[in-house]
Amino acid sequence: MIAWLIIIAVIAVLIIALAAAYNGLVRSRNKVNNSWKQIDVQLKRRHDLIPNLVEMVKDYMSYEQEVLQNVTKARSEAMQAQGPADSAKAENVLSGALKSLFAVAENYPDLKANQNVSQLQEELTSTENKIAFARQLYNDLVMDFNNKVQTFPSNVVAGAFGFKAREYFEVPEEEKEPVKVNLR
């Protein structure tokens, strides 16, 4: 009789441990999914601001059509990107195009003085900061989730129920090089 009670108690503890591991994996996966959607929200905001900026500077920068076209093309490609790796690459191209636009805009005093353009630049800068924070949070949550998927005993549950490690949002190698500043 006591042996049966011990066996039942051990089985109950195992079931509770498996359920806790499974529920922890589900919660962690949902946090990763949510944090990716938060990045999407900020990227959408960024993508919505860019056409307004391009439209405002278009009249001032009649000789800089290539810069404007590069921004528009990069925005289009960024909006079509899928997954962390593809999105990171496309968004970094867009960031580069925006930096070029801002650099060229410095050569136009009337454009620099335009309050609407200044406000849009400020909104884009603020959005860039929010995107960076959202990416950081995403990578932190991916690390927590991947740790659960790869460590015992939750890795047993993860394997049994098809939980797979997630991909980090990584900066492409060319973006890791130090920025060259020329003060001349």
C-alpha atoms as a PDB file:
ATOM      1  CA  MET A   1       0.000   0.000   0.000  1.00  0.00           C
ATOM      2  CA  ILE A   2       2.735   2.479   0.942  1.00  0.00           C
ATOM      3  CA  ALA A   3       4.679   1.515  -2.188  1.00  0.00           C
ATOM      4  CA  TRP A   4       1.664   2.416  -4.360  1.00  0.00           C
ATOM      5  CA  LEU A   5       1.295   5.765  -2.635  1.00  0.00           C
ATOM      6  CA  ILE A   6       4.975   6.510  -3.248  1.00  0.00           C
ATOM      7  CA  ILE A   7       4.650   5.524  -6.922  1.00  0.00           C
ATOM      8  CA  ILE A   8       1.537   7.695  -7.309  1.00  0.00           C
ATOM      9  CA  ALA A   9       3.281  10.615  -5.573  1.00  0.00           C
ATOM     10  CA  VAL A  10       6.331  10.284  -7.866  1.00  0.00           C
ATOM     11  CA  ILE A  11       4.113  10.155 -10.964  1.00  0.00           C
ATOM     12  CA  ALA A  12       2.162  13.204  -9.748  1.00  0.00           C
ATOM     13  CA  VAL A  13       5.391  15.148  -9.160  1.00  0.00           C
ATOM     14  CA  LEU A  14       6.623  14.192 -12.654  1.00  0.00           C
ATOM     15  CA  ILE A  15       3.348  15.295 -14.244  1.00  0.00           C
ATOM     16  CA  ILE A  16       3.448  18.588 -12.361  1.00  0.00           C
ATOM     17  CA  ALA A  17       7.106  19.133 -13.379  1.00  0.00           C
ATOM     18  CA  LEU A  18       6.308  18.377 -17.036  1.00  0.00           C
ATOM     19  CA  ALA A  19       3.306  20.701 -16.982  1.00  0.00           C
ATOM     20  CA  ALA A  20       5.369  23.463 -15.364  1.00  0.00           C
ATOM     21  CA  ALA A  21       8.140  23.047 -17.958  1.00  0.00           C
ATOM     22  CA  TYR A  22       5.637  23.047 -20.825  1.00  0.00           C
ATOM     23  CA  ASN A  23       3.806  26.107 -19.485  1.00  0.00           C
ATOM     24  CA  GLY A  24       7.119  27.914 -18.955  1.00  0.00           C
ATOM     25  CA  LEU A  25       8.106  27.206 -22.563  1.00  0.00           C
ATOM     26  CA  VAL A  26       4.738  28.447 -23.843  1.00  0.00           C
ATOM     27  CA  ARG A  27       4.959  31.647 -21.778  1.00  0.00           C
ATOM     28  CA  SER A  28       8.506  32.251 -22.942  1.00  0.00           C
ATOM     29  CA  ARG A  29       7.623  31.608 -26.609  1.00  0.00           C
ATOM     30  CA  ASN A  30       4.693  34.016 -26.336  1.00  0.00           C
ATOM     31  CA  LYS A  31       6.963  36.710 -24.871  1.00  0.00           C
ATOM     32  CA  VAL A  32       9.364  36.275 -27.811  1.00  0.00           C
ATOM     33  CA  ASN A  33       6.474  36.499 -30.290  1.00  0.00           C
ATOM     34  CA  ASN A  34       5.110  39.582 -28.566  1.00  0.00           C
ATOM     35  CA  SER A  35       8.491  41.301 -28.502  1.00  0.00           C
ATOM     36  CA  TRP A  36       8.877  40.666 -32.252  1.00  0.00           C
ATOM     37  CA  LYS A  37       5.479  42.274 -32.805  1.00  0.00           C
ATOM     38  CA  GLN A  38       6.636  45.277 -30.759  1.00  0.00           C
ATOM     39  CA  ILE A  39       9.542  45.662 -33.183  1.00  0.00           C
ATOM     40  CA  ASP A  40       6.989  45.487 -36.008  1.00  0.00           C
ATOM     41  CA  VAL A  41       4.996  48.308 -34.404  1.00  0.00           C
ATOM     42  CA  GLN A  42       8.054  50.566 -34.280  1.00  0.00           C
ATOM     43  CA  LEU A  43       9.122  49.612 -37.810  1.00  0.00           C
ATOM     44  CA  LYS A  44       5.614  50.405 -39.063  1.00  0.00           C
ATOM     45  CA  ARG A  45       5.839  53.818 -37.432  1.00  0.00           C
ATOM     46  CA  ARG A  46       9.216  54.360 -39.071  1.00  0.00           C
ATOM     47  CA  HIS A  47       7.915  53.229 -42.455  1.00  0.00           C
ATOM     48  CA  ASP A  48       4.920  55.572 -42.122  1.00  0.00           C
ATOM     49  CA  LEU A  49       7.091  58.601 -41.296  1.00  0.00           C
ATOM     50  CA  ILE A  50       9.498  58.167 -44.206  1.00  0.00           C
ATOM     51  CA  PRO A  51       7.091  59.051 -47.078  1.00  0.00           C
ATOM     52  CA  ASN A  52       6.157  62.262 -45.240  1.00  0.00           C
ATOM     53  CA  LEU A  53       9.811  63.184 -44.885  1.00  0.00           C
ATOM     54  CA  VAL A  54      10.586  62.364 -48.516  1.00  0.00           C
ATOM     55  CA  GLU A  55       7.596  64.402 -49.683  1.00  0.00           C
ATOM     56  CA  MET A  56       8.669  67.419 -47.624  1.00  0.00           C
ATOM     57  CA  VAL A  57      12.289  67.412 -48.770  1.00  0.00           C
ATOM     58  CA  LYS A  58      11.553  66.566 -52.404  1.00  0.00           C
ATOM     59  CA  ASP A  59      10.972  70.177 -53.453  1.00  0.00           C
ATOM     60  CA  TYR A  60      14.124  71.424 -51.731  1.00  0.00           C
ATOM     61  CA  MET A  61      16.354  68.640 -53.022  1.00  0.00           C
ATOM     62  CA  SER A  62      15.594  68.680 -56.714  1.00  0.00           C
ATOM     63  CA  TYR A  63      19.205  67.749 -57.519  1.00  0.00           C
ATOM     64  CA  GLU A  64      19.306  64.853 -55.067  1.00  0.00           C
ATOM     65  CA  GLN A  65      16.744  62.537 -56.640  1.00  0.00           C
ATOM     66  CA  GLU A  66      19.020  59.502 -56.319  1.00  0.00           C
ATOM     67  CA  VAL A  67      19.142  59.922 -52.537  1.00  0.00           C
ATOM     68  CA  LEU A  68      15.345  60.137 -52.372  1.00  0.00           C
ATOM     69  CA  GLN A  69      14.967  57.108 -54.640  1.00  0.00           C
ATOM     70  CA  ASN A  70      17.381  55.122 -52.454  1.00  0.00           C
ATOM     71  CA  VAL A  71      15.322  55.920 -49.355  1.00  0.00           C
ATOM     72  CA  THR A  72      12.086  54.955 -51.090  1.00  0.00           C
ATOM     73  CA  LYS A  73      13.541  51.698 -52.446  1.00  0.00           C
ATOM     74  CA  ALA A  74      15.096  50.774 -49.086  1.00  0.00           C
ATOM     75  CA  ARG A  75      11.776  51.448 -47.328  1.00  0.00           C
ATOM     76  CA  SER A  76       9.947  49.192 -49.771  1.00  0.00           C
ATOM     77  CA  GLU A  77      12.448  46.362 -49.271  1.00  0.00           C
ATOM     78  CA  ALA A  78      12.344  46.766 -45.491  1.00  0.00           C
ATOM     79  CA  MET A  79       8.558  46.493 -45.491  1.00  0.00           C
ATOM     80  CA  GLN A  80       8.793  43.170 -47.362  1.00  0.00           C
ATOM     81  CA  ALA A  81      11.465  41.622 -45.116  1.00  0.00           C
ATOM     82  CA  GLN A  82      10.550  38.443 -43.245  1.00  0.00           C
ATOM     83  CA  GLY A  83      12.157  37.171 -40.043  1.00  0.00           C
ATOM     84  CA  PRO A  84      14.907  38.613 -37.862  1.00  0.00           C
ATOM     85  CA  ALA A  85      17.867  38.077 -40.228  1.00  0.00           C
ATOM     86  CA  ASP A  86      16.149  39.406 -43.351  1.00  0.00           C
ATOM     87  CA  SER A  87      14.605  42.266 -41.412  1.00  0.00           C
ATOM     88  CA  ALA A  88      17.949  43.233 -39.834  1.00  0.00           C
ATOM     89  CA  LYS A  89      19.628  43.405 -43.222  1.00  0.00           C
ATOM     90  CA  ALA A  90      16.833  45.402 -44.881  1.00  0.00           C
ATOM     91  CA  GLU A  91      16.395  47.799 -41.963  1.00  0.00           C
ATOM     92  CA  ASN A  92      20.132  48.492 -41.853  1.00  0.00           C
ATOM     93  CA  VAL A  93      20.054  49.401 -45.557  1.00  0.00           C
ATOM     94  CA  LEU A  94      17.147  51.732 -44.796  1.00  0.00           C
ATOM     95  CA  SER A  95      19.063  53.289 -41.894  1.00  0.00           C
ATOM     96  CA  GLY A  96      21.993  53.944 -44.216  1.00  0.00           C
ATOM     97  CA  ALA A  97      19.721  55.548 -46.801  1.00  0.00           C
ATOM     98  CA  LEU A  98      18.170  57.775 -44.125  1.00  0.00           C
ATOM     99  CA  LYS A  99      21.629  58.802 -42.882  1.00  0.00           C
ATOM    100  CA  SER A 100      22.512  59.804 -46.449  1.00  0.00           C
ATOM    101  CA  LEU A 101      19.308  61.797 -46.707  1.00  0.00           C
ATOM    102  CA  PHE A 102      20.005  63.612 -43.443  1.00  0.00           C
ATOM    103  CA  ALA A 103      23.598  64.299 -44.478  1.00  0.00           C
ATOM    104  CA  VAL A 104      22.518  65.772 -47.819  1.00  0.00           C
ATOM    105  CA  ALA A 105      19.794  67.782 -46.091  1.00  0.00           C
ATOM    106  CA  GLU A 106      22.512  69.562 -44.103  1.00  0.00           C
ATOM    107  CA  ASN A 107      23.563  71.270 -47.357  1.00  0.00           C
ATOM    108  CA  TYR A 108      20.186  72.997 -47.733  1.00  0.00           C
ATOM    109  CA  PRO A 109      19.775  75.909 -45.274  1.00  0.00           C
ATOM    110  CA  ASP A 110      16.087  76.395 -46.135  1.00  0.00           C
ATOM    111  CA  LEU A 111      15.454  72.718 -45.514  1.00  0.00           C
ATOM    112  CA  LYS A 112      17.321  72.769 -42.188  1.00  0.00           C
ATOM    113  CA  ALA A 113      15.211  75.727 -41.088  1.00  0.00           C
ATOM    114  CA  ASN A 114      11.919  74.037 -42.002  1.00  0.00           C
ATOM    115  CA  GLN A 115      10.103  73.169 -38.753  1.00  0.00           C
ATOM    116  CA  ASN A 116       8.136  70.289 -40.288  1.00  0.00           C
ATOM    117  CA  VAL A 117      11.307  68.624 -41.578  1.00  0.00           C
ATOM    118  CA  SER A 118      13.014  69.133 -38.208  1.00  0.00           C
ATOM    119  CA  GLN A 119      10.034  67.621 -36.415  1.00  0.00           C
ATOM    120  CA  LEU A 120       9.981  64.603 -38.736  1.00  0.00           C
ATOM    121  CA  GLN A 121      13.707  64.090 -38.247  1.00  0.00           C
ATOM    122  CA  GLU A 122      13.196  64.223 -34.491  1.00  0.00           C
ATOM    123  CA  GLU A 123      10.332  61.707 -34.693  1.00  0.00           C
ATOM    124  CA  LEU A 124      12.461  59.386 -36.806  1.00  0.00           C
ATOM    125  CA  THR A 125      15.333  59.676 -34.324  1.00  0.00           C
ATOM    126  CA  SER A 126      12.970  58.902 -31.455  1.00  0.00           C
ATOM    127  CA  THR A 127      11.565  55.943 -33.381  1.00  0.00           C
ATOM    128  CA  GLU A 128      15.091  54.666 -34.080  1.00  0.00           C
ATOM    129  CA  ASN A 129      15.742  54.672 -30.332  1.00  0.00           C
ATOM    130  CA  LYS A 130      12.534  52.759 -29.687  1.00  0.00           C
ATOM    131  CA  ILE A 131      13.457  50.230 -32.384  1.00  0.00           C
ATOM    132  CA  ALA A 132      16.875  49.712 -30.779  1.00  0.00           C
ATOM    133  CA  PHE A 133      15.257  49.147 -27.376  1.00  0.00           C
ATOM    134  CA  ALA A 134      12.676  46.736 -28.842  1.00  0.00           C
ATOM    135  CA  ARG A 135      15.457  44.754 -30.568  1.00  0.00           C
ATOM    136  CA  GLN A 136      17.363  44.549 -27.295  1.00  0.00           C
ATOM    137  CA  LEU A 137      14.289  43.271 -25.475  1.00  0.00           C
ATOM    138  CA  TYR A 138      13.617  40.758 -28.254  1.00  0.00           C
ATOM    139  CA  ASN A 139      17.159  39.372 -28.048  1.00  0.00           C
ATOM    140  CA  ASP A 140      16.939  39.139 -24.243  1.00  0.00           C
ATOM    141  CA  LEU A 141      13.690  37.184 -24.487  1.00  0.00           C
ATOM    142  CA  VAL A 142      15.092  34.957 -27.251  1.00  0.00           C
ATOM    143  CA  MET A 143      18.049  34.160 -24.983  1.00  0.00           C
ATOM    144  CA  ASP A 144      15.717  33.203 -22.120  1.00  0.00           C
ATOM    145  CA  PHE A 145      13.582  31.071 -24.425  1.00  0.00           C
ATOM    146  CA  ASN A 146      16.597  29.387 -26.041  1.00  0.00           C
ATOM    147  CA  ASN A 147      18.023  28.636 -22.597  1.00  0.00           C
ATOM    148  CA  LYS A 148      14.805  26.849 -21.692  1.00  0.00           C
ATOM    149  CA  VAL A 149      14.754  24.937 -24.977  1.00  0.00           C
ATOM    150  CA  GLN A 150      18.360  23.829 -24.525  1.00  0.00           C
ATOM    151  CA  THR A 151      18.658  23.081 -20.792  1.00  0.00           C
ATOM    152  CA  PHE A 152      17.509  20.100 -18.770  1.00  0.00           C
ATOM    153  CA  PRO A 153      14.764  19.238 -17.898  1.00  0.00           C
ATOM    154  CA  SER A 154      12.788  21.641 -20.079  1.00  0.00           C
ATOM    155  CA  ASN A 155      14.750  20.530 -23.170  1.00  0.00           C
ATOM    156  CA  VAL A 156      13.050  17.136 -22.862  1.00  0.00           C
ATOM    157  CA  VAL A 157       9.642  18.788 -22.951  1.00  0.00           C
ATOM    158  CA  ALA A 158      10.763  21.169 -25.730  1.00  0.00           C
ATOM    159  CA  GLY A 159      11.887  18.250 -27.892  1.00  0.00           C
ATOM    160  CA  ALA A 160       8.724  16.284 -27.244  1.00  0.00           C
ATOM    161  CA  PHE A 161       6.444  19.194 -28.137  1.00  0.00           C
ATOM    162  CA  GLY A 162       8.436  20.688 -31.020  1.00  0.00           C
ATOM    163  CA  PHE A 163       9.768  23.857 -29.410  1.00  0.00           C
ATOM    164  CA  LYS A 164      12.771  25.102 -31.414  1.00  0.00           C
ATOM    165  CA  ALA A 165      15.418  27.673 -30.544  1.00  0.00           C
ATOM    166  CA  ARG A 166      14.661  31.118 -31.989  1.00  0.00           C
ATOM    167  CA  GLU A 167      16.817  33.349 -34.135  1.00  0.00           C
ATOM    168  CA  TYR A 168      18.435  36.462 -32.665  1.00  0.00           C
ATOM    169  CA  PHE A 169      18.137  39.850 -34.303  1.00  0.00           C
ATOM    170  CA  GLU A 170      21.754  40.328 -35.374  1.00  0.00           C
ATOM    171  CA  VAL A 171      23.581  43.265 -36.872  1.00  0.00           C
ATOM    172  CA  PRO A 172      25.275  42.397 -40.180  1.00  0.00           C
ATOM    173  CA  GLU A 173      29.087  42.267 -40.080  1.00  0.00           C
ATOM    174  CA  GLU A 174      29.506  45.382 -42.227  1.00  0.00           C
ATOM    175  CA  GLU A 175      27.531  47.384 -39.653  1.00  0.00           C
ATOM    176  CA  LYS A 176      29.878  46.372 -36.815  1.00  0.00           C
ATOM    177  CA  GLU A 177      32.843  48.325 -38.164  1.00  0.00           C
ATOM    178  CA  PRO A 178      33.694  51.564 -36.351  1.00  0.00           C
ATOM    179  CA  VAL A 179      32.180  54.732 -37.750  1.00  0.00           C
ATOM    180  CA  LYS A 180      34.722  56.910 -39.548  1.00  0.00           C
ATOM    181  CA  VAL A 181      34.450  60.554 -38.588  1.00  0.00           C
ATOM    182  CA  ASN A 182      36.068  63.233 -40.723  1.00  0.00           C
ATOM    183  CA  LEU A 183      36.172  66.606 -38.994  1.00  0.00           C
ATOM    184  CA  ARG A 184      37.714  68.543 -41.898  1.00  0.00           C
END
